PDB file of N, CA and C in Angstrom:
ATOM      1  N   UNK A   1     -10.833  44.191  -4.058  1.00  0.00           N
ATOM      2  CA  UNK A   1      -9.995  44.991  -2.826  1.00  0.00           C
ATOM      3  C   UNK A   1     -10.177  44.550  -1.722  1.00  0.00           C
ATOM      4  N   UNK A   2      -9.185  44.094  -0.942  1.00  0.00           N
ATOM      5  CA  UNK A   2      -8.879  43.370   0.353  1.00  0.00           C
ATOM      6  C   UNK A   2      -9.378  44.233   1.460  1.00  0.00           C
ATOM      7  N   UNK A   3     -10.124  43.639   2.510  1.00  0.00           N
ATOM      8  CA  UNK A   3     -10.570  44.599   3.558  1.00  0.00           C
ATOM      9  C   UNK A   3      -9.263  44.480   4.403  1.00  0.00           C
ATOM     10  N   UNK A   4      -8.164  43.813   4.176  1.00  0.00           N
ATOM     11  CA  UNK A   4      -6.938  43.285   5.265  1.00  0.00           C
ATOM     12  C   UNK A   4      -6.635  44.515   5.687  1.00  0.00           C
ATOM     13  N   UNK A   5      -5.885  44.975   6.580  1.00  0.00           N
ATOM     14  CA  UNK A   5      -5.017  45.777   6.949  1.00  0.00           C
ATOM     15  C   UNK A   5      -3.740  45.412   7.203  1.00  0.00           C
ATOM     16  N   UNK A   6      -2.704  45.748   7.126  1.00  0.00           N
ATOM     17  CA  UNK A   6      -1.357  45.769   7.787  1.00  0.00           C
ATOM     18  C   UNK A   6      -0.846  45.619   9.158  1.00  0.00           C
ATOM     19  N   UNK A   7      -1.886  47.008   9.846  1.00  0.00           N
ATOM     20  CA  UNK A   7      -1.655  47.329  11.692  1.00  0.00           C
ATOM     21  C   UNK A   7      -2.035  45.877  11.945  1.00  0.00           C
ATOM     22  N   UNK A   8      -2.685  45.163  11.004  1.00  0.00           N
ATOM     23  CA  UNK A   8      -3.622  44.103  12.202  1.00  0.00           C
ATOM     24  C   UNK A   8      -3.212  43.053  11.652  1.00  0.00           C
ATOM     25  N   UNK A   9      -2.123  42.994  11.138  1.00  0.00           N
ATOM     26  CA  UNK A   9      -1.381  41.456  10.829  1.00  0.00           C
ATOM     27  C   UNK A   9      -0.789  41.016  11.879  1.00  0.00           C
ATOM     28  N   UNK A  10      -0.269  39.627  12.491  1.00  0.00           N
ATOM     29  CA  UNK A  10       0.466  39.054  13.321  1.00  0.00           C
ATOM     30  C   UNK A  10       1.652  39.185  13.272  1.00  0.00           C
ATOM     31  N   UNK A  11       2.347  39.060  12.179  1.00  0.00           N
ATOM     32  CA  UNK A  11       3.936  38.745  11.885  1.00  0.00           C
ATOM     33  C   UNK A  11       4.636  40.197  11.092  1.00  0.00           C
ATOM     34  N   UNK A  12       5.743  40.384  11.366  1.00  0.00           N
ATOM     35  CA  UNK A  12       6.736  41.470  10.693  1.00  0.00           C
ATOM     36  C   UNK A  12       7.106  41.006   9.322  1.00  0.00           C
ATOM     37  N   UNK A  13       7.916  39.541   9.410  1.00  0.00           N
ATOM     38  CA  UNK A  13       8.493  39.114   8.242  1.00  0.00           C
ATOM     39  C   UNK A  13       7.506  37.944   7.750  1.00  0.00           C
ATOM     40  N   UNK A  14       7.636  37.776   6.119  1.00  0.00           N
ATOM     41  CA  UNK A  14       7.567  36.810   5.868  1.00  0.00           C
ATOM     42  C   UNK A  14       7.880  35.311   5.764  1.00  0.00           C
ATOM     43  N   UNK A  15       7.029  34.063   6.811  1.00  0.00           N
ATOM     44  CA  UNK A  15       7.305  33.183   6.583  1.00  0.00           C
ATOM     45  C   UNK A  15       7.715  32.203   5.534  1.00  0.00           C
ATOM     46  N   UNK A  16       7.542  32.719   4.806  1.00  0.00           N
ATOM     47  CA  UNK A  16       8.183  31.833   3.697  1.00  0.00           C
ATOM     48  C   UNK A  16      10.155  32.132   3.662  1.00  0.00           C
ATOM     49  N   UNK A  17      10.006  34.048   3.412  1.00  0.00           N
ATOM     50  CA  UNK A  17      11.449  33.921   2.549  1.00  0.00           C
ATOM     51  C   UNK A  17      11.630  34.688   3.687  1.00  0.00           C
ATOM     52  N   UNK A  18      11.593  35.440   5.305  1.00  0.00           N
ATOM     53  CA  UNK A  18      12.079  36.424   6.501  1.00  0.00           C
ATOM     54  C   UNK A  18      12.274  38.002   6.036  1.00  0.00           C
ATOM     55  N   UNK A  19      11.307  37.724   4.638  1.00  0.00           N
ATOM     56  CA  UNK A  19      11.773  38.856   4.208  1.00  0.00           C
ATOM     57  C   UNK A  19      10.237  40.495   4.574  1.00  0.00           C
ATOM     58  N   UNK A  20      10.254  41.419   4.909  1.00  0.00           N
ATOM     59  CA  UNK A  20       9.590  42.076   5.635  1.00  0.00           C
ATOM     60  C   UNK A  20       8.225  42.255   5.022  1.00  0.00           C
ATOM     61  N   UNK A  21       6.385  42.341   5.759  1.00  0.00           N
ATOM     62  CA  UNK A  21       5.188  42.182   5.010  1.00  0.00           C
ATOM     63  C   UNK A  21       5.210  43.031   4.278  1.00  0.00           C
ATOM     64  N   UNK A  22       4.359  43.051   3.003  1.00  0.00           N
ATOM     65  CA  UNK A  22       3.540  44.095   2.810  1.00  0.00           C
ATOM     66  C   UNK A  22       1.997  44.252   2.332  1.00  0.00           C
ATOM     67  N   UNK A  23       1.261  45.102   2.435  1.00  0.00           N
ATOM     68  CA  UNK A  23       0.169  45.207   2.810  1.00  0.00           C
ATOM     69  C   UNK A  23      -0.894  44.192   1.429  1.00  0.00           C
ATOM     70  N   UNK A  24      -0.073  44.540   0.031  1.00  0.00           N
ATOM     71  CA  UNK A  24      -0.729  43.965  -0.666  1.00  0.00           C
ATOM     72  C   UNK A  24      -0.579  42.362  -0.573  1.00  0.00           C
ATOM     73  N   UNK A  25      -0.066  41.826   0.498  1.00  0.00           N
ATOM     74  CA  UNK A  25       0.513  40.426   0.152  1.00  0.00           C
ATOM     75  C   UNK A  25      -0.360  40.226   1.725  1.00  0.00           C
ATOM     76  N   UNK A  26      -1.509  40.396   1.772  1.00  0.00           N
ATOM     77  CA  UNK A  26      -1.795  39.578   3.415  1.00  0.00           C
ATOM     78  C   UNK A  26      -2.905  38.245   2.840  1.00  0.00           C
ATOM     79  N   UNK A  27      -3.254  37.768   3.664  1.00  0.00           N
ATOM     80  CA  UNK A  27      -4.433  36.861   3.884  1.00  0.00           C
ATOM     81  C   UNK A  27      -4.945  36.236   5.388  1.00  0.00           C
ATOM     82  N   UNK A  28      -6.219  36.170   5.517  1.00  0.00           N
ATOM     83  CA  UNK A  28      -6.662  35.948   6.569  1.00  0.00           C
ATOM     84  C   UNK A  28      -6.711  34.400   7.014  1.00  0.00           C
ATOM     85  N   UNK A  29      -6.255  33.841   7.626  1.00  0.00           N
ATOM     86  CA  UNK A  29      -6.286  32.785   8.695  1.00  0.00           C
ATOM     87  C   UNK A  29      -6.811  32.271   9.834  1.00  0.00           C
ATOM     88  N   UNK A  30      -7.181  31.649  10.111  1.00  0.00           N
ATOM     89  CA  UNK A  30      -7.889  31.219  11.393  1.00  0.00           C
ATOM     90  C   UNK A  30      -8.695  32.580  12.323  1.00  0.00           C
ATOM     91  N   UNK A  31      -8.570  33.112  11.465  1.00  0.00           N
ATOM     92  CA  UNK A  31      -9.449  34.663  12.252  1.00  0.00           C
ATOM     93  C   UNK A  31      -8.384  35.844  12.588  1.00  0.00           C
ATOM     94  N   UNK A  32      -7.389  35.226  11.973  1.00  0.00           N
ATOM     95  CA  UNK A  32      -5.550  36.483  11.524  1.00  0.00           C
ATOM     96  C   UNK A  32      -5.441  36.970  10.633  1.00  0.00           C
ATOM     97  N   UNK A  33      -4.787  37.775  10.393  1.00  0.00           N
ATOM     98  CA  UNK A  33      -4.132  38.045   9.500  1.00  0.00           C
ATOM     99  C   UNK A  33      -2.467  38.772   9.106  1.00  0.00           C
ATOM    100  N   UNK A  34      -2.668  37.185   7.935  1.00  0.00           N
ATOM    101  CA  UNK A  34      -0.657  37.119   7.800  1.00  0.00           C
ATOM    102  C   UNK A  34      -0.637  37.456   6.909  1.00  0.00           C
ATOM    103  N   UNK A  35       0.811  38.096   7.193  1.00  0.00           N
ATOM    104  CA  UNK A  35       1.103  39.319   6.031  1.00  0.00           C
ATOM    105  C   UNK A  35       2.756  38.449   5.147  1.00  0.00           C
ATOM    106  N   UNK A  36       2.875  37.986   4.676  1.00  0.00           N
ATOM    107  CA  UNK A  36       3.594  37.785   3.614  1.00  0.00           C
ATOM    108  C   UNK A  36       4.630  38.876   2.533  1.00  0.00           C
ATOM    109  N   UNK A  37       5.427  38.857   2.283  1.00  0.00           N
ATOM    110  CA  UNK A  37       6.361  39.843   1.456  1.00  0.00           C
ATOM    111  C   UNK A  37       5.530  39.822  -0.167  1.00  0.00           C
ATOM    112  N   UNK A  38       5.383  39.081  -0.420  1.00  0.00           N
ATOM    113  CA  UNK A  38       4.765  39.401  -1.863  1.00  0.00           C
ATOM    114  C   UNK A  38       3.676  38.304  -2.115  1.00  0.00           C
ATOM    115  N   UNK A  39       2.958  38.591  -3.234  1.00  0.00           N
ATOM    116  CA  UNK A  39       1.610  37.713  -3.292  1.00  0.00           C
ATOM    117  C   UNK A  39       2.190  36.432  -3.484  1.00  0.00           C
ATOM    118  N   UNK A  40       2.940  36.007  -4.520  1.00  0.00           N
ATOM    119  CA  UNK A  40       3.658  34.508  -4.754  1.00  0.00           C
ATOM    120  C   UNK A  40       3.789  33.403  -3.965  1.00  0.00           C
ATOM    121  N   UNK A  41       4.600  34.010  -2.447  1.00  0.00           N
ATOM    122  CA  UNK A  41       4.143  33.766  -1.273  1.00  0.00           C
ATOM    123  C   UNK A  41       2.694  33.181  -0.357  1.00  0.00           C
ATOM    124  N   UNK A  42       2.346  34.562  -0.976  1.00  0.00           N
ATOM    125  CA  UNK A  42       1.080  34.830  -0.262  1.00  0.00           C
ATOM    126  C   UNK A  42       0.406  33.589  -0.659  1.00  0.00           C
ATOM    127  N   UNK A  43       0.376  33.276  -2.522  1.00  0.00           N
ATOM    128  CA  UNK A  43      -0.597  32.666  -2.607  1.00  0.00           C
ATOM    129  C   UNK A  43       0.006  31.127  -2.452  1.00  0.00           C
ATOM    130  N   UNK A  44       1.256  31.044  -2.354  1.00  0.00           N
ATOM    131  CA  UNK A  44       1.936  29.070  -1.933  1.00  0.00           C
ATOM    132  C   UNK A  44       1.095  28.914  -0.602  1.00  0.00           C
ATOM    133  N   UNK A  45       1.304  30.286   0.320  1.00  0.00           N
ATOM    134  CA  UNK A  45       0.448  30.085   1.626  1.00  0.00           C
ATOM    135  C   UNK A  45      -1.026  29.177   1.615  1.00  0.00           C
ATOM    136  N   UNK A  46      -1.491  29.922   0.587  1.00  0.00           N
ATOM    137  CA  UNK A  46      -3.141  29.762   0.665  1.00  0.00           C
ATOM    138  C   UNK A  46      -3.558  28.506  -0.210  1.00  0.00           C
ATOM    139  N   UNK A  47      -2.668  28.150  -1.282  1.00  0.00           N
ATOM    140  CA  UNK A  47      -2.861  26.685  -1.821  1.00  0.00           C
ATOM    141  C   UNK A  47      -2.364  25.807  -0.513  1.00  0.00           C
ATOM    142  N   UNK A  48      -1.095  25.529   0.137  1.00  0.00           N
ATOM    143  CA  UNK A  48      -0.662  24.973   1.106  1.00  0.00           C
ATOM    144  C   UNK A  48      -1.480  24.571   2.229  1.00  0.00           C
ATOM    145  N   UNK A  49      -2.377  25.528   2.683  1.00  0.00           N
ATOM    146  CA  UNK A  49      -2.997  25.834   3.802  1.00  0.00           C
ATOM    147  C   UNK A  49      -4.277  25.003   3.093  1.00  0.00           C
ATOM    148  N   UNK A  50      -5.037  25.192   2.384  1.00  0.00           N
ATOM    149  CA  UNK A  50      -5.866  25.206   1.241  1.00  0.00           C
ATOM    150  C   UNK A  50      -6.257  23.103   1.385  1.00  0.00           C
ATOM    151  N   UNK A  51      -5.109  22.674   1.433  1.00  0.00           N
ATOM    152  CA  UNK A  51      -4.553  21.189   0.541  1.00  0.00           C
ATOM    153  C   UNK A  51      -5.240  20.722   2.643  1.00  0.00           C
ATOM    154  N   UNK A  52      -5.364  21.052   3.759  1.00  0.00           N
ATOM    155  CA  UNK A  52      -5.823  20.887   4.304  1.00  0.00           C
ATOM    156  C   UNK A  52      -7.278  20.740   4.421  1.00  0.00           C
ATOM    157  N   UNK A  53      -7.221  21.405   4.306  1.00  0.00           N
ATOM    158  CA  UNK A  53      -9.244  22.089   4.231  1.00  0.00           C
ATOM    159  C   UNK A  53     -10.423  21.003   3.907  1.00  0.00           C
ATOM    160  N   UNK A  54     -10.392  19.804   2.946  1.00  0.00           N
ATOM    161  CA  UNK A  54     -10.653  18.540   2.484  1.00  0.00           C
ATOM    162  C   UNK A  54     -10.736  17.523   4.155  1.00  0.00           C
ATOM    163  N   UNK A  55      -9.343  17.779   4.595  1.00  0.00           N
ATOM    164  CA  UNK A  55      -9.250  16.315   5.410  1.00  0.00           C
ATOM    165  C   UNK A  55     -10.189  16.685   7.258  1.00  0.00           C
ATOM    166  N   UNK A  56     -10.146  18.192   7.058  1.00  0.00           N
ATOM    167  CA  UNK A  56     -11.190  18.068   8.557  1.00  0.00           C
ATOM    168  C   UNK A  56     -12.373  18.563   8.274  1.00  0.00           C
ATOM    169  N   UNK A  57     -13.014  17.524   9.204  1.00  0.00           N
ATOM    170  CA  UNK A  57     -14.454  17.187   8.800  1.00  0.00           C
ATOM    171  C   UNK A  57     -14.553  17.992  10.165  1.00  0.00           C
TER     172      UNK A  57
END
């Protein structure tokens, strides 16, 4: 279970779909809670930003 909360989310709409964010689809990114409309969008985001982790040293 995640400690992320919807009230801490920095966005109201999903960056992928434009739909409203839901509490079950939150991610932590650079110290900020980012929301998504579903877990698929959240997982797609985490995979995309994760691809850059190895590039930054």
